[in-house]
Amino acid sequence: MESWIIARYKLKRIFTMKQFIVFFYFPLILFVLIGFIFSANITSQIPIAIVDEDQSQYSAILLNLMKDNGALDVHIGTSEDVKELTRRNKVEGAYIIKEGFEEQIKKDNYPTIYVLKSSAALGADAISEIVASGVVRILSNTRAANIITQEYDRLALANYYNREQLWQEVYNTSESYWYPDQLMELKHIQFNLEGEQDDVKSSYSSFVILGIIVLFLPLALGPLFTMIMKERINETLRRVYLICSKTKILLGYLITMTIIQAIQIILYIIVSRLYLGIKFGLSNITLFIILLMYSFLTSSIVLTLSIKAKNYVLLSTYYTLIVVITSVIGGVFWPIEMLADPFQKIALLTPQGLVMRMIKLTQLNEYNYTALYGLVILTLSILLIEYSGRQLSKNI
């Protein structure tokens, strides 16, 4: 009961602090702005330009295939138009279908498409593969029709059929195999420390959003970190200690920080799911529990530092910097699997590294490892709280 009274008083006080309003609401606003850029609701089409100098049936088919590709935003224009767009970096690349495109395909020859790209283009080569796949699709259909009609000619069966009609029927049949799905499906496989994992659910957008959440959550504890240290310096904490036990004091602070973090987590999840349309590959409740465990660990660290530290001005000044540095080391901004093995181990020494690893393991259904990391987080939190209690008794 006394712990709840302390927590309620702290919450009432801290929610009226101007510093807390900045640390609590500003990250949420920034999260919405950054998250909106990476969200699934943003149009992610890549602009390209195409010049059709052949003006044939096959070039029209290729244009339609490019337009139907959800990843591309196709601009049709003249050679001069697309050169200007490329020069000004308005498109990732320009693709010129030269005259004779259809004729070359019908002769079973490989047609040529000219590619224009600027030095600043990042995806022109990848888009060229998409354009080439459309050409291969047309070429394979045509080649199938040619082979069948030639075989009919060899067997002297063409007299019984309209040769053009036969050719078109074979072409249409070959084309039908591309619907509703492609002839070949790519299955992505991710390799990590535990081995090979299939059906990876997390996307780049969800990784970025999770990283932002993990970075921003501890920032709201900065004002509370300063407040505890000031209460210890001006002996407010000593007076409370004479009335309540150290356990109730520590529990009161932990309840305060947990409630603040829980409110933040709920807001972040709601914004991510409903507004940004981000799918994390795990349920809301699971994500909430994992992030709450992470918050419990960061709260324990803040509590320990605020009770143990002597120079509170220096620490409170550099608190945000410390959070950012540990986030960088912990792999918030990039997957730690990209780093060398020693750096991956160093990343797991940070709270951010632990929780990012725990989330990824949960996404991959590695629940045994998830439970192990969760146990590590809870154990570290309890040890820090116990240490804080001893320091509280010693310093007061």
Protein backbone atom coordinates (compact mmCIF):
# COMPACT_ATOMS: atom_id res chain seq x y z
CA MET A 1 0.00 0.00 0.00
CA GLU A 2 2.77 2.42 0.95
CA SER A 3 4.63 1.56 -2.26
CA TRP A 4 1.55 2.44 -4.28
CA ILE A 5 1.20 5.76 -2.40
CA ILE A 6 4.82 6.59 -3.29
CA ALA A 7 4.24 5.59 -6.92
CA ARG A 8 1.04 7.62 -7.18
CA TYR A 9 2.74 10.70 -5.76
CA LYS A 10 5.69 10.32 -8.13
CA LEU A 11 3.41 9.83 -11.12
CA LYS A 12 1.37 12.91 -10.27
CA ARG A 13 4.52 14.94 -9.87
CA ILE A 14 6.40 13.68 -12.90
CA PHE A 15 3.48 14.04 -15.32
CA THR A 16 3.43 17.77 -14.55
CA MET A 17 7.15 18.26 -15.17
CA LYS A 18 7.95 20.18 -18.36
CA GLN A 19 11.07 18.09 -18.83
CA PHE A 20 9.04 14.87 -18.70
CA ILE A 21 6.50 16.19 -21.20
CA VAL A 22 9.36 16.71 -23.66
CA PHE A 23 10.92 13.30 -22.98
CA PHE A 24 7.55 11.50 -23.08
CA TYR A 25 5.65 13.13 -25.93
CA PHE A 26 8.44 14.26 -28.25
CA PRO A 27 9.72 10.69 -28.86
CA LEU A 28 6.15 9.61 -29.62
CA ILE A 29 5.70 12.41 -32.18
CA LEU A 30 9.11 11.64 -33.69
CA PHE A 31 8.20 7.96 -33.75
CA VAL A 32 5.07 8.70 -35.77
CA LEU A 33 6.99 10.83 -38.26
CA ILE A 34 9.84 8.35 -38.73
CA GLY A 35 7.56 5.34 -38.66
CA PHE A 36 5.29 6.85 -41.30
CA ILE A 37 8.24 6.87 -43.70
CA PHE A 38 8.83 3.13 -43.25
CA SER A 39 5.22 2.07 -42.81
CA ALA A 40 3.33 -0.29 -45.07
CA ASN A 41 0.84 2.48 -45.86
CA ILE A 42 3.42 4.50 -47.78
CA THR A 43 3.58 3.98 -51.53
CA SER A 44 6.90 2.24 -52.08
CA GLN A 45 6.82 2.14 -55.89
CA ILE A 46 10.10 2.80 -57.67
CA PRO A 47 9.83 5.34 -60.52
CA ILE A 48 11.17 4.22 -63.89
CA ALA A 49 10.80 5.56 -67.45
CA ILE A 50 10.23 3.54 -70.62
CA VAL A 51 10.50 4.55 -74.26
CA ASP A 52 8.62 2.35 -76.75
CA GLU A 53 10.24 2.90 -80.16
CA ASP A 54 8.93 -0.40 -81.53
CA GLN A 55 5.22 0.37 -81.00
CA SER A 56 4.39 -3.30 -81.51
CA GLN A 57 2.12 -5.84 -79.85
CA TYR A 58 5.03 -7.35 -77.89
CA SER A 59 6.37 -4.02 -76.68
CA ALA A 60 2.84 -3.17 -75.51
CA ILE A 61 2.72 -6.49 -73.62
CA LEU A 62 6.02 -5.66 -71.92
CA LEU A 63 4.76 -2.21 -70.97
CA ASN A 64 1.64 -3.71 -69.41
CA LEU A 65 3.72 -6.22 -67.45
CA MET A 66 5.80 -3.37 -66.04
CA LYS A 67 2.70 -1.33 -65.20
CA ASP A 68 1.11 -4.33 -63.46
CA ASN A 69 4.20 -4.79 -61.30
CA GLY A 70 3.28 -3.31 -57.94
CA ALA A 71 6.87 -2.30 -57.21
CA LEU A 72 7.22 0.00 -60.23
CA ASP A 73 5.81 3.41 -61.09
CA VAL A 74 6.13 3.51 -64.90
CA HIS A 75 6.47 6.75 -66.86
CA ILE A 76 6.09 6.54 -70.67
CA GLY A 77 7.86 9.15 -72.75
CA THR A 78 10.20 10.01 -75.59
CA SER A 79 13.96 9.57 -75.56
CA GLU A 80 14.51 13.21 -74.69
CA ASP A 81 11.94 13.11 -71.90
CA VAL A 82 13.43 10.08 -70.17
CA LYS A 83 16.98 11.37 -70.54
CA GLU A 84 15.98 14.52 -68.70
CA LEU A 85 14.20 12.52 -65.97
CA THR A 86 17.29 10.36 -65.55
CA ARG A 87 19.62 13.35 -65.52
CA ARG A 88 17.57 14.99 -62.76
CA ASN A 89 17.38 11.70 -60.79
CA LYS A 90 13.60 11.68 -61.03
CA VAL A 91 13.64 8.00 -62.01
CA GLU A 92 15.83 5.07 -61.05
CA GLY A 93 16.46 4.27 -64.68
CA ALA A 94 15.19 4.67 -68.23
CA TYR A 95 14.62 1.68 -70.52
CA ILE A 96 14.43 2.13 -74.31
CA ILE A 97 12.69 -0.60 -76.33
CA LYS A 98 14.35 -0.27 -79.71
CA GLU A 99 12.61 -0.74 -83.04
CA GLY A 100 12.61 -4.38 -84.15
CA PHE A 101 11.86 -5.69 -80.63
CA GLU A 102 8.93 -7.86 -81.77
CA GLU A 103 10.66 -8.99 -84.93
CA GLN A 104 13.71 -10.24 -83.02
CA ILE A 105 11.57 -12.21 -80.58
CA LYS A 106 9.56 -13.87 -83.34
CA LYS A 107 12.84 -14.97 -84.91
CA ASP A 108 13.90 -16.55 -81.60
CA ASN A 109 16.59 -13.91 -81.21
CA TYR A 110 17.31 -11.98 -78.03
CA PRO A 111 16.11 -8.38 -78.36
CA THR A 112 18.11 -5.46 -76.98
CA ILE A 113 16.81 -2.91 -74.48
CA TYR A 114 18.97 0.14 -73.79
CA VAL A 115 19.28 1.23 -70.17
CA LEU A 116 19.98 4.78 -69.04
CA LYS A 117 20.87 5.40 -65.43
CA SER A 118 22.57 8.11 -63.43
CA SER A 119 25.46 7.62 -61.04
CA ALA A 120 23.06 8.30 -58.16
CA ALA A 121 20.69 5.48 -59.11
CA LEU A 122 20.62 2.73 -56.52
CA GLY A 123 18.10 0.27 -57.93
CA ALA A 124 18.52 0.51 -61.70
CA ASP A 125 20.34 -2.81 -61.94
CA ALA A 126 17.70 -4.59 -59.87
CA ILE A 127 14.92 -3.06 -61.98
CA SER A 128 16.73 -4.20 -65.12
CA GLU A 129 16.24 -7.75 -63.85
CA ILE A 130 12.49 -7.12 -63.59
CA VAL A 131 12.38 -5.73 -67.13
CA ALA A 132 14.48 -8.64 -68.37
CA SER A 133 12.13 -11.12 -66.71
CA GLY A 134 9.24 -9.60 -68.67
CA VAL A 135 11.19 -10.04 -71.90
CA VAL A 136 12.02 -13.64 -70.98
CA ARG A 137 8.34 -14.28 -70.33
CA ILE A 138 7.37 -13.03 -73.80
CA LEU A 139 10.33 -14.81 -75.37
CA SER A 140 9.52 -18.15 -73.74
CA ASN A 141 5.88 -17.97 -74.83
CA THR A 142 6.93 -17.14 -78.38
CA ARG A 143 9.56 -19.86 -78.46
CA ALA A 144 7.03 -22.43 -77.29
CA ALA A 145 4.63 -21.39 -80.06
CA ASN A 146 7.43 -21.52 -82.65
CA ILE A 147 8.55 -24.98 -81.56
CA ILE A 148 5.04 -26.43 -81.70
CA THR A 149 4.20 -24.95 -85.11
CA GLN A 150 7.55 -26.08 -86.52
CA GLU A 151 6.89 -29.57 -85.24
CA TYR A 152 3.48 -29.53 -86.89
CA ASP A 153 5.18 -28.44 -90.13
CA ARG A 154 7.69 -31.28 -89.85
CA LEU A 155 4.92 -33.83 -89.37
CA ALA A 156 2.93 -32.31 -92.19
CA LEU A 157 0.03 -31.66 -89.86
CA ALA A 158 -0.12 -27.94 -90.44
CA ASN A 159 -2.40 -28.43 -93.43
CA TYR A 160 -5.17 -29.51 -91.10
CA TYR A 161 -4.87 -26.36 -88.97
CA ASN A 162 -4.78 -22.66 -89.48
CA ARG A 163 -1.09 -22.08 -88.81
CA GLU A 164 -1.55 -18.58 -87.36
CA GLN A 165 -4.41 -19.74 -85.18
CA LEU A 166 -2.33 -22.68 -83.94
CA TRP A 167 0.59 -20.39 -83.13
CA GLN A 168 -1.65 -18.01 -81.16
CA GLU A 169 -3.33 -20.85 -79.25
CA VAL A 170 0.05 -22.23 -78.17
CA TYR A 171 1.23 -18.74 -77.18
CA ASN A 172 -1.93 -18.15 -75.11
CA THR A 173 -1.59 -21.55 -73.44
CA SER A 174 2.03 -20.81 -72.53
CA GLU A 175 1.04 -17.42 -71.16
CA SER A 176 -1.72 -18.98 -69.04
CA TYR A 177 0.90 -20.84 -66.98
CA TRP A 178 2.00 -17.49 -65.54
CA TYR A 179 -1.38 -17.01 -63.86
CA PRO A 180 -2.43 -16.75 -61.10
CA ASP A 181 1.09 -17.36 -59.77
CA GLN A 182 4.52 -17.12 -61.31
CA LEU A 183 6.14 -20.29 -62.66
CA MET A 184 8.80 -20.10 -59.95
CA GLU A 185 8.34 -19.02 -56.36
CA LEU A 186 11.23 -17.60 -54.36
CA LYS A 187 11.41 -18.75 -50.78
CA HIS A 188 13.51 -16.62 -48.45
CA ILE A 189 15.79 -18.31 -45.95
CA GLN A 190 17.59 -16.51 -43.14
CA PHE A 191 20.78 -17.76 -41.53
CA ASN A 192 21.57 -16.80 -37.96
CA LEU A 193 23.47 -18.03 -34.93
CA GLU A 194 21.05 -20.88 -34.29
CA GLY A 195 21.13 -22.12 -37.88
CA GLU A 196 18.73 -21.93 -40.80
CA GLN A 197 15.25 -20.49 -40.37
CA ASP A 198 12.44 -20.43 -42.92
CA ASP A 199 9.48 -18.13 -43.39
CA VAL A 200 11.02 -15.07 -41.79
CA LYS A 201 8.16 -12.80 -40.78
CA SER A 202 9.98 -9.61 -39.90
CA SER A 203 10.50 -7.07 -42.67
CA TYR A 204 12.87 -4.16 -42.90
CA SER A 205 10.08 -1.78 -41.91
CA SER A 206 9.19 -3.74 -38.77
CA PHE A 207 12.88 -3.94 -37.81
CA VAL A 208 13.24 -0.17 -38.11
CA ILE A 209 10.08 0.48 -36.09
CA LEU A 210 11.13 -1.98 -33.37
CA GLY A 211 14.53 -0.34 -33.21
CA ILE A 212 12.95 3.07 -32.73
CA ILE A 213 10.72 1.76 -29.94
CA VAL A 214 13.65 0.09 -28.15
CA LEU A 215 15.65 3.33 -28.46
CA PHE A 216 12.88 5.66 -27.30
CA LEU A 217 11.52 3.67 -24.34
CA PRO A 218 14.39 4.40 -21.90
CA LEU A 219 14.46 8.10 -22.85
CA ALA A 220 11.26 8.79 -20.90
CA LEU A 221 13.03 7.63 -17.73
CA GLY A 222 15.57 10.46 -17.97
CA PRO A 223 13.53 12.95 -15.89
CA LEU A 224 12.76 10.28 -13.27
CA PHE A 225 16.45 9.40 -13.17
CA THR A 226 17.26 13.04 -12.37
CA MET A 227 14.43 13.29 -9.86
CA ILE A 228 15.59 10.28 -7.80
CA MET A 229 19.14 11.59 -7.69
CA LYS A 230 17.99 15.04 -6.54
CA GLU A 231 15.79 13.49 -3.84
CA ARG A 232 18.80 11.57 -2.63
CA ILE A 233 21.05 14.66 -2.61
CA ASN A 234 18.55 16.97 -0.83
CA GLU A 235 17.77 14.17 1.67
CA THR A 236 14.12 13.80 0.70
CA LEU A 237 14.86 10.13 0.21
CA ARG A 238 16.28 9.92 3.73
CA ARG A 239 13.06 11.26 5.26
CA VAL A 240 10.98 8.77 3.31
CA TYR A 241 13.39 6.03 4.35
CA LEU A 242 12.68 6.80 8.03
CA ILE A 243 8.98 6.14 7.42
CA CYS A 244 9.08 3.28 4.92
CA SER A 245 11.38 0.34 4.40
CA LYS A 246 13.88 0.32 1.54
CA THR A 247 11.86 -2.42 -0.16
CA LYS A 248 8.74 -0.27 -0.28
CA ILE A 249 10.73 2.71 -1.56
CA LEU A 250 12.35 0.71 -4.33
CA LEU A 251 9.04 -0.91 -5.22
CA GLY A 252 7.38 2.52 -5.36
CA TYR A 253 9.96 3.79 -7.82
CA LEU A 254 9.77 0.61 -9.90
CA ILE A 255 5.97 0.82 -10.07
CA THR A 256 6.28 4.43 -11.23
CA MET A 257 8.75 3.59 -13.98
CA THR A 258 6.85 0.45 -15.03
CA ILE A 259 3.58 2.36 -15.42
CA ILE A 260 5.30 5.06 -17.50
CA GLN A 261 6.94 2.44 -19.70
CA ALA A 262 3.74 0.39 -20.03
CA ILE A 263 1.81 3.46 -21.22
CA GLN A 264 4.51 4.15 -23.77
CA ILE A 265 4.58 0.55 -25.01
CA ILE A 266 0.81 0.50 -25.47
CA LEU A 267 0.91 3.78 -27.40
CA TYR A 268 3.77 2.59 -29.60
CA ILE A 269 2.01 -0.70 -30.39
CA ILE A 270 -1.28 1.04 -31.18
CA VAL A 271 0.41 3.56 -33.48
CA SER A 272 2.46 0.82 -35.15
CA ARG A 273 -0.45 -1.50 -35.78
CA LEU A 274 -3.34 0.85 -36.55
CA TYR A 275 -1.68 3.95 -37.98
CA LEU A 276 1.51 2.65 -39.60
CA GLY A 277 0.22 -0.80 -40.54
CA ILE A 278 3.40 -2.53 -39.32
CA LYS A 279 3.33 -6.30 -38.75
CA PHE A 280 5.95 -7.49 -36.28
CA GLY A 281 5.47 -11.22 -36.75
CA LEU A 282 4.21 -11.74 -33.19
CA SER A 283 1.07 -10.94 -31.25
CA ASN A 284 0.45 -7.64 -29.47
CA ILE A 285 0.44 -9.35 -26.07
CA THR A 286 3.74 -11.14 -26.73
CA LEU A 287 5.38 -7.95 -27.93
CA PHE A 288 4.02 -6.07 -24.92
CA ILE A 289 5.39 -8.65 -22.47
CA ILE A 290 8.85 -8.68 -24.09
CA LEU A 291 9.07 -4.88 -24.16
CA LEU A 292 7.81 -4.70 -20.57
CA MET A 293 10.59 -7.08 -19.49
CA TYR A 294 13.06 -4.85 -21.31
CA SER A 295 11.57 -1.82 -19.54
CA PHE A 296 11.90 -3.60 -16.20
CA LEU A 297 15.60 -4.10 -16.89
CA THR A 298 16.17 -0.49 -17.96
CA SER A 299 14.21 0.72 -14.92
CA SER A 300 16.43 -1.40 -12.67
CA ILE A 301 19.54 0.10 -14.28
CA VAL A 302 18.19 3.64 -13.86
CA LEU A 303 17.32 2.92 -10.23
CA THR A 304 20.80 1.54 -9.54
CA LEU A 305 22.60 4.46 -11.19
CA SER A 306 20.43 7.10 -9.52
CA ILE A 307 21.10 5.65 -6.06
CA LYS A 308 24.76 4.78 -6.57
CA ALA A 309 26.03 7.72 -8.64
CA LYS A 310 27.63 10.71 -6.93
CA ASN A 311 27.82 13.21 -9.79
CA TYR A 312 24.15 13.36 -10.78
CA VAL A 313 24.60 16.50 -12.88
CA LEU A 314 27.10 14.78 -15.16
CA LEU A 315 25.09 11.58 -15.46
CA SER A 316 21.76 13.29 -16.05
CA THR A 317 23.38 15.45 -18.73
CA TYR A 318 24.79 12.46 -20.59
CA TYR A 319 21.85 10.10 -19.94
CA THR A 320 20.41 10.48 -23.46
CA LEU A 321 23.87 10.04 -25.00
CA ILE A 322 24.40 6.84 -23.00
CA VAL A 323 21.06 5.46 -24.24
CA VAL A 324 21.94 6.24 -27.86
CA ILE A 325 25.44 4.71 -27.61
CA THR A 326 24.19 1.49 -26.02
CA SER A 327 21.46 1.35 -28.69
CA VAL A 328 24.08 1.58 -31.42
CA ILE A 329 26.14 -1.17 -29.80
CA GLY A 330 23.03 -3.27 -29.21
CA GLY A 331 22.07 -3.39 -32.88
CA VAL A 332 19.02 -1.15 -32.81
CA PHE A 333 19.94 0.51 -36.11
CA TRP A 334 21.11 -2.61 -37.97
CA PRO A 335 20.87 -6.40 -37.45
CA ILE A 336 23.72 -7.59 -35.27
CA GLU A 337 24.01 -10.66 -37.54
CA MET A 338 25.70 -8.36 -40.04
CA LEU A 339 28.55 -7.73 -37.59
CA ALA A 340 31.56 -9.88 -36.78
CA ASP A 341 31.13 -12.49 -34.07
CA PRO A 342 32.95 -10.50 -31.33
CA PHE A 343 30.69 -7.48 -31.93
CA GLN A 344 27.61 -9.70 -31.78
CA LYS A 345 28.67 -10.88 -28.33
CA ILE A 346 29.36 -7.30 -27.21
CA ALA A 347 25.87 -6.30 -28.42
CA LEU A 348 24.31 -8.86 -26.08
CA LEU A 349 25.92 -7.06 -23.15
CA THR A 350 23.47 -4.19 -23.64
CA PRO A 351 19.76 -4.21 -22.73
CA GLN A 352 18.92 -3.20 -26.30
CA GLY A 353 20.90 -6.09 -27.74
CA LEU A 354 19.17 -8.56 -25.43
CA VAL A 355 15.64 -7.43 -26.25
CA MET A 356 16.26 -7.19 -30.03
CA ARG A 357 17.65 -10.72 -29.96
CA MET A 358 14.72 -11.91 -27.88
CA ILE A 359 12.18 -10.40 -30.29
CA LYS A 360 13.88 -11.95 -33.31
CA LEU A 361 13.98 -15.39 -31.68
CA THR A 362 10.27 -15.11 -30.88
CA GLN A 363 9.52 -14.17 -34.50
CA LEU A 364 11.38 -17.31 -35.57
CA ASN A 365 9.45 -19.47 -33.06
CA GLU A 366 12.63 -20.28 -31.11
CA TYR A 367 10.76 -20.25 -27.83
CA ASN A 368 13.40 -22.13 -25.85
CA TYR A 369 15.98 -19.45 -26.62
CA THR A 370 13.36 -16.75 -26.01
CA ALA A 371 12.69 -18.13 -22.54
CA LEU A 372 16.43 -18.27 -21.86
CA TYR A 373 16.93 -14.62 -22.80
CA GLY A 374 13.86 -13.67 -20.77
CA LEU A 375 15.32 -15.45 -17.77
CA VAL A 376 18.59 -13.57 -18.23
CA ILE A 377 16.75 -10.22 -18.33
CA LEU A 378 14.72 -10.98 -15.21
CA THR A 379 17.76 -12.28 -13.33
CA LEU A 380 19.78 -9.18 -14.16
CA SER A 381 16.87 -6.96 -13.09
CA ILE A 382 16.49 -8.71 -9.72
CA LEU A 383 20.23 -8.56 -9.05
CA LEU A 384 20.30 -4.84 -9.84
CA ILE A 385 17.32 -4.18 -7.57
CA GLU A 386 18.99 -6.11 -4.75
CA TYR A 387 22.17 -4.12 -5.28
CA SER A 388 20.17 -0.88 -5.29
CA GLY A 389 18.66 -1.80 -1.93
CA ARG A 390 22.08 -2.31 -0.40
CA GLN A 391 23.34 0.99 -1.80
CA LEU A 392 20.23 2.76 -0.52
CA SER A 393 20.92 1.55 3.02
CA LYS A 394 24.58 2.52 2.74
CA ASN A 395 24.08 5.99 1.26
CA ILE A 396 21.30 7.13 3.57
